[in-house]
Amino acid sequence: MKVAVLATDGVEQVELDRPWQALEEAGAEPELVSLEGGSITAYEHIDKGATRKVDALVSSADPDVYGALLLPGGVINGDFVRADADAVAFVTSFFEAGKPVAAICHAPWVLIEAGVVKGRRMTSWPSLQTDLRNAGAEWVDEEVVVDGNLTTSRNPDDLDAFCAAIVEEFAREDEVEEESAS
């Protein structure tokens, strides 16, 4: 399964790298989809970290090519991604298709902008709880929450649980796709 990983400059490095690695180890093919071409710079909290090559531009990426979507966190990343109309439309298309989506830390800001959190039970970095509640979500303080096709988590400390959950949820979707293809 191809997995779109939507991120830009300021993405929290560990929230990009650890799920990416878990997905690859599970046999998935993550691709970095971003707002601009070239590469992005990840951050380790407030310090610049590694760069990562962009595989596809969100403005021209076809959501139908991907079986799932991963939204890593980072304050800067979440704010830039939610302000990009193409990125928001890309995210919305995964919900319209019923595909699995995973978001950690500040990434639920993007989900709020996409209008897909109302009635959902979810978690995030604690400072987003008021935003999520105001958008109609039930915010809970748990390391990982799965609500239908949406998996959310709070922060880097929760990455073990988050990675395990997304591998399981994305694999479940992959099995459904394989069954419908045969």
N, C-alpha and C. Protein backbone atom coordinates (compact mmCIF):
# COMPACT_ATOMS: atom_id res chain seq x y z
N MET A 1 0.84 -1.18 0.00
CA MET A 1 0.00 0.00 0.00
C MET A 1 0.88 1.24 0.00
N LYS A 2 0.52 2.20 -0.85
CA LYS A 2 1.18 3.50 -0.82
C LYS A 2 0.50 4.35 0.23
N VAL A 3 1.30 5.04 1.04
CA VAL A 3 0.78 5.91 2.09
C VAL A 3 1.29 7.32 1.84
N ALA A 4 0.39 8.27 1.72
CA ALA A 4 0.77 9.68 1.60
C ALA A 4 1.12 10.20 2.99
N VAL A 5 2.29 10.81 3.09
CA VAL A 5 2.72 11.45 4.33
C VAL A 5 2.78 12.94 4.01
N LEU A 6 1.79 13.68 4.49
CA LEU A 6 1.67 15.10 4.15
C LEU A 6 2.38 15.94 5.21
N ALA A 7 3.45 16.62 4.77
CA ALA A 7 4.23 17.43 5.71
C ALA A 7 4.99 18.51 4.95
N THR A 8 5.44 19.51 5.70
CA THR A 8 6.24 20.59 5.13
C THR A 8 7.30 21.00 6.14
N ASP A 9 8.01 22.08 5.84
CA ASP A 9 9.03 22.57 6.77
C ASP A 9 8.43 22.72 8.16
N GLY A 10 9.22 22.34 9.16
CA GLY A 10 8.76 22.46 10.55
C GLY A 10 8.09 21.22 11.09
N VAL A 11 8.02 20.16 10.30
CA VAL A 11 7.45 18.91 10.78
C VAL A 11 8.33 18.41 11.93
N GLU A 12 7.71 17.84 12.95
CA GLU A 12 8.47 17.26 14.06
C GLU A 12 9.17 16.01 13.55
N GLN A 13 10.50 16.03 13.55
CA GLN A 13 11.29 14.97 12.91
C GLN A 13 10.93 13.57 13.38
N VAL A 14 10.85 13.36 14.67
CA VAL A 14 10.57 12.02 15.18
C VAL A 14 9.16 11.56 14.80
N GLU A 15 8.23 12.51 14.66
CA GLU A 15 6.85 12.16 14.28
C GLU A 15 6.72 11.89 12.78
N LEU A 16 7.74 12.25 12.04
CA LEU A 16 7.84 11.88 10.63
C LEU A 16 8.61 10.57 10.49
N ASP A 17 9.76 10.50 11.14
CA ASP A 17 10.66 9.35 10.95
C ASP A 17 10.15 8.04 11.54
N ARG A 18 9.67 8.06 12.76
CA ARG A 18 9.26 6.80 13.41
C ARG A 18 8.06 6.16 12.71
N PRO A 19 6.98 6.89 12.43
CA PRO A 19 5.87 6.24 11.70
C PRO A 19 6.29 5.80 10.29
N TRP A 20 7.12 6.59 9.63
CA TRP A 20 7.62 6.24 8.30
C TRP A 20 8.31 4.89 8.36
N GLN A 21 9.20 4.74 9.33
CA GLN A 21 9.95 3.50 9.50
C GLN A 21 9.01 2.33 9.82
N ALA A 22 8.05 2.55 10.70
CA ALA A 22 7.10 1.49 11.06
C ALA A 22 6.30 1.06 9.83
N LEU A 23 5.89 2.01 9.01
CA LEU A 23 5.13 1.68 7.81
C LEU A 23 6.00 0.89 6.82
N GLU A 24 7.23 1.33 6.62
CA GLU A 24 8.13 0.59 5.73
C GLU A 24 8.36 -0.83 6.23
N GLU A 25 8.59 -0.99 7.53
CA GLU A 25 8.82 -2.32 8.10
C GLU A 25 7.60 -3.22 7.94
N ALA A 26 6.42 -2.62 7.86
CA ALA A 26 5.19 -3.38 7.68
C ALA A 26 4.90 -3.65 6.20
N GLY A 27 5.76 -3.15 5.30
CA GLY A 27 5.59 -3.41 3.88
C GLY A 27 4.90 -2.30 3.11
N ALA A 28 4.57 -1.20 3.75
CA ALA A 28 3.93 -0.07 3.07
C ALA A 28 4.99 0.76 2.34
N GLU A 29 4.52 1.60 1.45
CA GLU A 29 5.39 2.50 0.69
C GLU A 29 5.02 3.94 0.99
N PRO A 30 5.62 4.54 2.03
CA PRO A 30 5.31 5.94 2.31
C PRO A 30 5.93 6.87 1.26
N GLU A 31 5.21 7.93 0.93
CA GLU A 31 5.70 8.96 0.02
C GLU A 31 5.46 10.32 0.66
N LEU A 32 6.47 11.17 0.61
CA LEU A 32 6.35 12.50 1.19
C LEU A 32 5.66 13.43 0.20
N VAL A 33 4.49 13.88 0.57
CA VAL A 33 3.71 14.83 -0.21
C VAL A 33 3.83 16.17 0.51
N SER A 34 4.17 17.22 -0.22
CA SER A 34 4.40 18.50 0.45
C SER A 34 3.85 19.67 -0.37
N LEU A 35 3.97 20.84 0.22
CA LEU A 35 3.42 22.06 -0.38
C LEU A 35 4.28 22.59 -1.52
N GLU A 36 5.59 22.31 -1.45
CA GLU A 36 6.53 22.76 -2.47
C GLU A 36 7.50 21.63 -2.79
N GLY A 37 8.12 21.70 -3.94
CA GLY A 37 9.07 20.67 -4.36
C GLY A 37 10.42 20.81 -3.66
N GLY A 38 11.32 19.91 -4.00
CA GLY A 38 12.66 19.94 -3.42
C GLY A 38 12.75 19.11 -2.17
N SER A 39 12.95 19.77 -1.06
CA SER A 39 13.04 19.06 0.21
C SER A 39 12.42 19.91 1.32
N ILE A 40 12.14 19.26 2.44
CA ILE A 40 11.63 19.96 3.60
C ILE A 40 12.64 19.80 4.74
N THR A 41 12.57 20.71 5.70
CA THR A 41 13.42 20.64 6.88
C THR A 41 12.57 20.27 8.07
N ALA A 42 12.92 19.15 8.68
CA ALA A 42 12.24 18.72 9.90
C ALA A 42 12.86 19.46 11.09
N TYR A 43 12.15 19.44 12.19
CA TYR A 43 12.63 20.09 13.42
C TYR A 43 12.64 19.08 14.55
N GLU A 44 13.55 19.27 15.46
CA GLU A 44 13.58 18.55 16.73
C GLU A 44 13.16 19.58 17.76
N HIS A 45 11.87 19.64 18.01
CA HIS A 45 11.23 20.67 18.83
C HIS A 45 11.42 22.03 18.16
N ILE A 46 12.34 22.87 18.66
CA ILE A 46 12.52 24.19 18.04
C ILE A 46 13.84 24.31 17.27
N ASP A 47 14.60 23.22 17.20
CA ASP A 47 15.88 23.22 16.49
C ASP A 47 15.75 22.53 15.14
N LYS A 48 16.39 23.11 14.14
CA LYS A 48 16.36 22.48 12.81
C LYS A 48 16.98 21.10 12.87
N GLY A 49 16.37 20.18 12.14
CA GLY A 49 16.85 18.80 12.08
C GLY A 49 17.23 18.44 10.66
N ALA A 50 16.94 17.22 10.29
CA ALA A 50 17.30 16.67 8.98
C ALA A 50 16.39 17.21 7.88
N THR A 51 16.87 17.07 6.65
CA THR A 51 16.03 17.40 5.50
C THR A 51 15.55 16.09 4.88
N ARG A 52 14.44 16.16 4.19
CA ARG A 52 13.86 14.98 3.54
C ARG A 52 13.38 15.41 2.16
N LYS A 53 13.68 14.58 1.14
CA LYS A 53 13.29 14.85 -0.24
C LYS A 53 11.78 14.68 -0.40
N VAL A 54 11.17 15.62 -1.09
CA VAL A 54 9.74 15.58 -1.39
C VAL A 54 9.51 14.66 -2.59
N ASP A 55 8.52 13.78 -2.46
CA ASP A 55 8.19 12.85 -3.54
C ASP A 55 7.10 13.39 -4.47
N ALA A 56 6.18 14.18 -3.92
CA ALA A 56 5.06 14.68 -4.73
C ALA A 56 4.57 16.01 -4.17
N LEU A 57 4.05 16.84 -5.05
CA LEU A 57 3.44 18.11 -4.64
C LEU A 57 1.96 17.88 -4.36
N VAL A 58 1.50 18.42 -3.26
CA VAL A 58 0.09 18.22 -2.90
C VAL A 58 -0.83 18.83 -3.95
N SER A 59 -0.39 19.88 -4.61
CA SER A 59 -1.24 20.55 -5.61
C SER A 59 -1.52 19.65 -6.82
N SER A 60 -0.65 18.65 -7.05
CA SER A 60 -0.87 17.77 -8.20
C SER A 60 -0.95 16.29 -7.81
N ALA A 61 -0.85 15.99 -6.54
CA ALA A 61 -0.91 14.59 -6.08
C ALA A 61 -2.32 14.05 -6.24
N ASP A 62 -2.43 12.80 -6.66
CA ASP A 62 -3.73 12.14 -6.84
C ASP A 62 -4.03 11.30 -5.60
N PRO A 63 -5.02 11.70 -4.80
CA PRO A 63 -5.34 10.94 -3.59
C PRO A 63 -5.72 9.49 -3.87
N ASP A 64 -6.23 9.21 -5.08
CA ASP A 64 -6.64 7.85 -5.42
C ASP A 64 -5.46 6.88 -5.50
N VAL A 65 -4.25 7.40 -5.63
CA VAL A 65 -3.04 6.58 -5.71
C VAL A 65 -2.68 6.00 -4.35
N TYR A 66 -3.16 6.64 -3.29
CA TYR A 66 -2.77 6.28 -1.93
C TYR A 66 -3.90 5.55 -1.20
N GLY A 67 -3.50 4.58 -0.38
CA GLY A 67 -4.47 3.83 0.41
C GLY A 67 -4.71 4.41 1.78
N ALA A 68 -3.82 5.31 2.23
CA ALA A 68 -3.95 5.89 3.57
C ALA A 68 -3.17 7.20 3.61
N LEU A 69 -3.43 7.97 4.67
CA LEU A 69 -2.80 9.28 4.85
C LEU A 69 -2.25 9.39 6.26
N LEU A 70 -1.00 9.84 6.37
CA LEU A 70 -0.36 10.12 7.65
C LEU A 70 -0.06 11.61 7.74
N LEU A 71 -0.48 12.21 8.87
CA LEU A 71 -0.21 13.62 9.13
C LEU A 71 0.66 13.73 10.37
N PRO A 72 1.98 13.88 10.20
CA PRO A 72 2.84 14.07 11.36
C PRO A 72 2.66 15.48 11.94
N GLY A 73 3.14 15.66 13.16
CA GLY A 73 2.93 16.93 13.85
C GLY A 73 4.03 17.95 13.64
N GLY A 74 4.09 18.85 14.61
CA GLY A 74 4.98 20.00 14.54
C GLY A 74 4.13 21.24 14.42
N VAL A 75 4.36 22.20 15.29
CA VAL A 75 3.56 23.43 15.30
C VAL A 75 3.63 24.14 13.95
N ILE A 76 4.84 24.35 13.46
CA ILE A 76 5.02 25.07 12.20
C ILE A 76 4.37 24.28 11.06
N ASN A 77 4.65 22.99 11.00
CA ASN A 77 4.10 22.12 9.98
C ASN A 77 2.57 22.18 9.97
N GLY A 78 1.96 21.95 11.13
CA GLY A 78 0.50 21.95 11.21
C GLY A 78 -0.11 23.26 10.75
N ASP A 79 0.52 24.36 11.13
CA ASP A 79 -0.03 25.67 10.76
C ASP A 79 0.11 25.93 9.26
N PHE A 80 1.27 25.60 8.68
CA PHE A 80 1.44 25.81 7.24
C PHE A 80 0.53 24.90 6.43
N VAL A 81 0.41 23.64 6.82
CA VAL A 81 -0.41 22.70 6.05
C VAL A 81 -1.88 23.11 6.10
N ARG A 82 -2.38 23.50 7.28
CA ARG A 82 -3.80 23.87 7.35
C ARG A 82 -4.13 25.15 6.59
N ALA A 83 -3.12 25.96 6.30
CA ALA A 83 -3.35 27.20 5.57
C ALA A 83 -3.29 27.02 4.05
N ASP A 84 -2.99 25.81 3.59
CA ASP A 84 -2.85 25.53 2.17
C ASP A 84 -4.13 24.86 1.65
N ALA A 85 -4.83 25.52 0.74
CA ALA A 85 -6.11 25.01 0.23
C ALA A 85 -5.95 23.65 -0.45
N ASP A 86 -4.88 23.45 -1.20
CA ASP A 86 -4.66 22.15 -1.86
C ASP A 86 -4.47 21.05 -0.83
N ALA A 87 -3.73 21.34 0.24
CA ALA A 87 -3.50 20.34 1.29
C ALA A 87 -4.81 19.98 1.98
N VAL A 88 -5.62 20.98 2.28
CA VAL A 88 -6.89 20.72 2.95
C VAL A 88 -7.80 19.89 2.06
N ALA A 89 -7.85 20.20 0.78
CA ALA A 89 -8.66 19.41 -0.17
C ALA A 89 -8.14 17.98 -0.26
N PHE A 90 -6.82 17.81 -0.26
CA PHE A 90 -6.21 16.48 -0.30
C PHE A 90 -6.64 15.66 0.91
N VAL A 91 -6.56 16.26 2.08
CA VAL A 91 -6.97 15.58 3.32
C VAL A 91 -8.46 15.23 3.27
N THR A 92 -9.28 16.16 2.86
CA THR A 92 -10.72 15.94 2.79
C THR A 92 -11.05 14.75 1.89
N SER A 93 -10.31 14.59 0.81
CA SER A 93 -10.60 13.50 -0.12
C SER A 93 -10.42 12.13 0.52
N PHE A 94 -9.50 11.99 1.46
CA PHE A 94 -9.32 10.71 2.15
C PHE A 94 -10.53 10.38 3.01
N PHE A 95 -11.10 11.39 3.64
CA PHE A 95 -12.30 11.16 4.45
C PHE A 95 -13.49 10.86 3.57
N GLU A 96 -13.62 11.56 2.45
CA GLU A 96 -14.73 11.30 1.53
C GLU A 96 -14.67 9.88 0.99
N ALA A 97 -13.46 9.34 0.81
CA ALA A 97 -13.28 7.98 0.29
C ALA A 97 -13.30 6.93 1.40
N GLY A 98 -13.36 7.35 2.65
CA GLY A 98 -13.37 6.42 3.78
C GLY A 98 -12.04 5.74 4.03
N LYS A 99 -10.96 6.33 3.54
CA LYS A 99 -9.63 5.75 3.72
C LYS A 99 -9.09 6.09 5.11
N PRO A 100 -8.18 5.26 5.63
CA PRO A 100 -7.61 5.54 6.95
C PRO A 100 -6.71 6.77 6.95
N VAL A 101 -6.84 7.53 8.03
CA VAL A 101 -6.05 8.75 8.24
C VAL A 101 -5.50 8.70 9.65
N ALA A 102 -4.24 9.10 9.81
CA ALA A 102 -3.62 9.15 11.13
C ALA A 102 -3.00 10.52 11.33
N ALA A 103 -3.17 11.08 12.53
CA ALA A 103 -2.64 12.41 12.83
C ALA A 103 -2.11 12.42 14.25
N ILE A 104 -0.97 13.06 14.45
CA ILE A 104 -0.36 13.12 15.77
C ILE A 104 0.00 14.57 16.11
N CYS A 105 -0.09 14.88 17.40
CA CYS A 105 0.39 16.13 17.97
C CYS A 105 -0.41 17.33 17.44
N HIS A 106 0.21 18.22 16.65
CA HIS A 106 -0.47 19.40 16.13
C HIS A 106 -1.15 19.17 14.78
N ALA A 107 -1.01 17.98 14.21
CA ALA A 107 -1.62 17.69 12.91
C ALA A 107 -3.15 17.79 12.90
N PRO A 108 -3.86 17.53 14.03
CA PRO A 108 -5.31 17.69 13.98
C PRO A 108 -5.79 19.10 13.61
N TRP A 109 -4.92 20.11 13.67
CA TRP A 109 -5.30 21.43 13.15
C TRP A 109 -5.74 21.30 11.70
N VAL A 110 -5.04 20.47 10.94
CA VAL A 110 -5.37 20.28 9.53
C VAL A 110 -6.75 19.63 9.40
N LEU A 111 -7.06 18.70 10.28
CA LEU A 111 -8.37 18.03 10.26
C LEU A 111 -9.49 19.00 10.59
N ILE A 112 -9.23 19.92 11.51
CA ILE A 112 -10.23 20.95 11.84
C ILE A 112 -10.50 21.78 10.59
N GLU A 113 -9.44 22.22 9.93
CA GLU A 113 -9.59 23.05 8.73
C GLU A 113 -10.34 22.30 7.63
N ALA A 114 -10.15 20.99 7.57
CA ALA A 114 -10.83 20.17 6.56
C ALA A 114 -12.29 19.90 6.93
N GLY A 115 -12.68 20.25 8.15
CA GLY A 115 -14.08 20.07 8.57
C GLY A 115 -14.46 18.62 8.80
N VAL A 116 -13.52 17.80 9.29
CA VAL A 116 -13.79 16.37 9.41
C VAL A 116 -13.77 15.85 10.85
N VAL A 117 -13.77 16.74 11.84
CA VAL A 117 -13.65 16.28 13.23
C VAL A 117 -14.97 16.24 14.00
N LYS A 118 -16.00 16.85 13.48
CA LYS A 118 -17.28 16.90 14.21
C LYS A 118 -17.80 15.49 14.50
N GLY A 119 -18.10 15.24 15.78
CA GLY A 119 -18.62 13.95 16.19
C GLY A 119 -17.55 12.89 16.39
N ARG A 120 -16.29 13.24 16.18
CA ARG A 120 -15.19 12.28 16.32
C ARG A 120 -14.65 12.30 17.75
N ARG A 121 -14.22 11.14 18.22
CA ARG A 121 -13.48 11.02 19.48
C ARG A 121 -12.02 11.00 19.10
N MET A 122 -11.23 11.93 19.67
CA MET A 122 -9.84 12.02 19.26
C MET A 122 -8.96 12.67 20.32
N THR A 123 -7.65 12.62 20.08
CA THR A 123 -6.69 13.25 20.97
C THR A 123 -5.71 14.06 20.13
N SER A 124 -4.83 14.80 20.82
CA SER A 124 -3.86 15.67 20.16
C SER A 124 -2.91 16.21 21.21
N TRP A 125 -2.02 17.09 20.78
CA TRP A 125 -1.25 17.88 21.73
C TRP A 125 -2.27 18.64 22.58
N PRO A 126 -2.09 18.71 23.89
CA PRO A 126 -3.11 19.30 24.77
C PRO A 126 -3.58 20.70 24.40
N SER A 127 -2.72 21.52 23.81
CA SER A 127 -3.13 22.89 23.50
C SER A 127 -4.17 22.97 22.38
N LEU A 128 -4.40 21.86 21.67
CA LEU A 128 -5.41 21.85 20.61
C LEU A 128 -6.78 21.41 21.10
N GLN A 129 -6.90 21.02 22.38
CA GLN A 129 -8.17 20.46 22.84
C GLN A 129 -9.33 21.44 22.70
N THR A 130 -9.12 22.71 22.98
CA THR A 130 -10.20 23.68 22.84
C THR A 130 -10.59 23.84 21.37
N ASP A 131 -9.59 23.89 20.49
CA ASP A 131 -9.86 23.99 19.05
C ASP A 131 -10.69 22.80 18.58
N LEU A 132 -10.30 21.60 19.01
CA LEU A 132 -11.02 20.40 18.60
C LEU A 132 -12.44 20.37 19.17
N ARG A 133 -12.58 20.73 20.43
CA ARG A 133 -13.93 20.77 21.02
C ARG A 133 -14.81 21.80 20.31
N ASN A 134 -14.25 22.96 20.02
CA ASN A 134 -15.01 24.00 19.32
C ASN A 134 -15.42 23.56 17.92
N ALA A 135 -14.65 22.65 17.33
CA ALA A 135 -14.97 22.12 16.00
C ALA A 135 -15.90 20.90 16.07
N GLY A 136 -16.29 20.52 17.30
CA GLY A 136 -17.27 19.45 17.44
C GLY A 136 -16.72 18.09 17.80
N ALA A 137 -15.43 17.98 18.07
CA ALA A 137 -14.84 16.69 18.44
C ALA A 137 -14.95 16.47 19.95
N GLU A 138 -14.90 15.21 20.33
CA GLU A 138 -14.77 14.85 21.75
C GLU A 138 -13.29 14.63 21.98
N TRP A 139 -12.62 15.54 22.70
CA TRP A 139 -11.19 15.42 22.95
C TRP A 139 -10.96 14.61 24.21
N VAL A 140 -10.04 13.64 24.14
CA VAL A 140 -9.68 12.83 25.30
C VAL A 140 -8.16 12.82 25.44
N ASP A 141 -7.71 12.63 26.67
CA ASP A 141 -6.28 12.60 26.97
C ASP A 141 -5.83 11.15 27.05
N GLU A 142 -5.60 10.53 25.88
CA GLU A 142 -5.16 9.14 25.79
C GLU A 142 -4.02 9.06 24.77
N GLU A 143 -3.14 8.05 24.91
CA GLU A 143 -1.98 7.99 24.03
C GLU A 143 -2.33 7.74 22.57
N VAL A 144 -3.37 6.99 22.32
CA VAL A 144 -3.82 6.78 20.95
C VAL A 144 -5.33 6.53 20.97
N VAL A 145 -6.01 7.09 19.98
CA VAL A 145 -7.46 6.94 19.87
C VAL A 145 -7.79 6.55 18.43
N VAL A 146 -8.54 5.46 18.27
CA VAL A 146 -9.02 5.05 16.95
C VAL A 146 -10.53 5.26 16.93
N ASP A 147 -10.99 6.08 16.00
CA ASP A 147 -12.42 6.34 15.82
C ASP A 147 -12.73 6.15 14.34
N GLY A 148 -13.27 4.99 14.00
CA GLY A 148 -13.54 4.68 12.59
C GLY A 148 -12.23 4.65 11.82
N ASN A 149 -12.17 5.45 10.77
CA ASN A 149 -10.96 5.47 9.92
C ASN A 149 -9.90 6.45 10.42
N LEU A 150 -10.12 7.09 11.56
CA LEU A 150 -9.20 8.11 12.07
C LEU A 150 -8.46 7.62 13.32
N THR A 151 -7.13 7.71 13.27
CA THR A 151 -6.27 7.39 14.40
C THR A 151 -5.54 8.65 14.81
N THR A 152 -5.59 9.01 16.10
CA THR A 152 -4.89 10.20 16.58
C THR A 152 -4.06 9.87 17.81
N SER A 153 -3.05 10.70 18.02
CA SER A 153 -2.17 10.52 19.16
C SER A 153 -1.68 11.88 19.63
N ARG A 154 -1.14 11.93 20.87
CA ARG A 154 -0.83 13.21 21.52
C ARG A 154 0.53 13.80 21.18
N ASN A 155 1.60 12.98 21.24
CA ASN A 155 2.94 13.55 21.18
C ASN A 155 3.99 12.46 20.96
N PRO A 156 5.27 12.84 20.84
CA PRO A 156 6.31 11.83 20.58
C PRO A 156 6.39 10.72 21.63
N ASP A 157 6.02 11.01 22.86
CA ASP A 157 6.05 9.96 23.89
C ASP A 157 5.09 8.81 23.58
N ASP A 158 4.11 9.06 22.73
CA ASP A 158 3.09 8.07 22.38
C ASP A 158 3.39 7.32 21.08
N LEU A 159 4.58 7.53 20.52
CA LEU A 159 4.87 6.97 19.20
C LEU A 159 4.81 5.45 19.13
N ASP A 160 5.19 4.74 20.19
CA ASP A 160 5.10 3.28 20.13
C ASP A 160 3.66 2.85 19.89
N ALA A 161 2.74 3.40 20.67
CA ALA A 161 1.32 3.05 20.53
C ALA A 161 0.76 3.56 19.20
N PHE A 162 1.14 4.76 18.80
CA PHE A 162 0.66 5.35 17.56
C PHE A 162 1.11 4.51 16.36
N CYS A 163 2.39 4.17 16.32
CA CYS A 163 2.91 3.38 15.20
C CYS A 163 2.24 2.01 15.12
N ALA A 164 2.06 1.37 16.25
CA ALA A 164 1.39 0.07 16.26
C ALA A 164 -0.04 0.21 15.74
N ALA A 165 -0.74 1.25 16.17
CA ALA A 165 -2.13 1.45 15.75
C ALA A 165 -2.23 1.75 14.25
N ILE A 166 -1.34 2.60 13.72
CA ILE A 166 -1.47 2.92 12.30
C ILE A 166 -1.10 1.73 11.43
N VAL A 167 -0.12 0.96 11.85
CA VAL A 167 0.22 -0.25 11.07
C VAL A 167 -0.98 -1.18 11.04
N GLU A 168 -1.64 -1.37 12.17
CA GLU A 168 -2.82 -2.24 12.22
C GLU A 168 -3.97 -1.68 11.39
N GLU A 169 -4.27 -0.40 11.55
CA GLU A 169 -5.40 0.20 10.83
C GLU A 169 -5.14 0.26 9.33
N PHE A 170 -3.92 0.63 8.93
CA PHE A 170 -3.61 0.71 7.51
C PHE A 170 -3.60 -0.68 6.89
N ALA A 171 -3.12 -1.68 7.62
CA ALA A 171 -3.12 -3.06 7.12
C ALA A 171 -4.54 -3.56 6.93
N ARG A 172 -5.42 -3.18 7.84
CA ARG A 172 -6.83 -3.58 7.72
C ARG A 172 -7.41 -3.03 6.41
N GLU A 173 -7.11 -1.78 6.09
CA GLU A 173 -7.58 -1.17 4.85
C GLU A 173 -6.96 -1.87 3.64
N ASP A 174 -5.69 -2.21 3.73
CA ASP A 174 -5.01 -2.90 2.64
C ASP A 174 -5.67 -4.25 2.35
N GLU A 175 -6.06 -4.97 3.40
CA GLU A 175 -6.75 -6.26 3.24
C GLU A 175 -8.09 -6.07 2.56
N VAL A 176 -8.82 -5.02 2.91
CA VAL A 176 -10.12 -4.74 2.29
C VAL A 176 -9.92 -4.45 0.80
N GLU A 177 -8.90 -3.65 0.47
CA GLU A 177 -8.61 -3.35 -0.94
C GLU A 177 -8.28 -4.61 -1.72
N GLU A 178 -7.47 -5.50 -1.12
CA GLU A 178 -7.09 -6.73 -1.81
C GLU A 178 -8.31 -7.62 -2.03
N GLU A 179 -9.19 -7.71 -1.04
CA GLU A 179 -10.40 -8.53 -1.18
C GLU A 179 -11.32 -8.01 -2.27
N SER A 180 -11.46 -6.69 -2.35
CA SER A 180 -12.36 -6.11 -3.36
C SER A 180 -11.76 -6.21 -4.77
N ALA A 181 -10.43 -6.32 -4.84
CA ALA A 181 -9.76 -6.47 -6.14
C ALA A 181 -9.86 -7.87 -6.68
N SER A 182 -10.08 -8.86 -5.78
CA SER A 182 -10.12 -10.25 -6.27
C SER A 182 -11.51 -10.75 -6.53
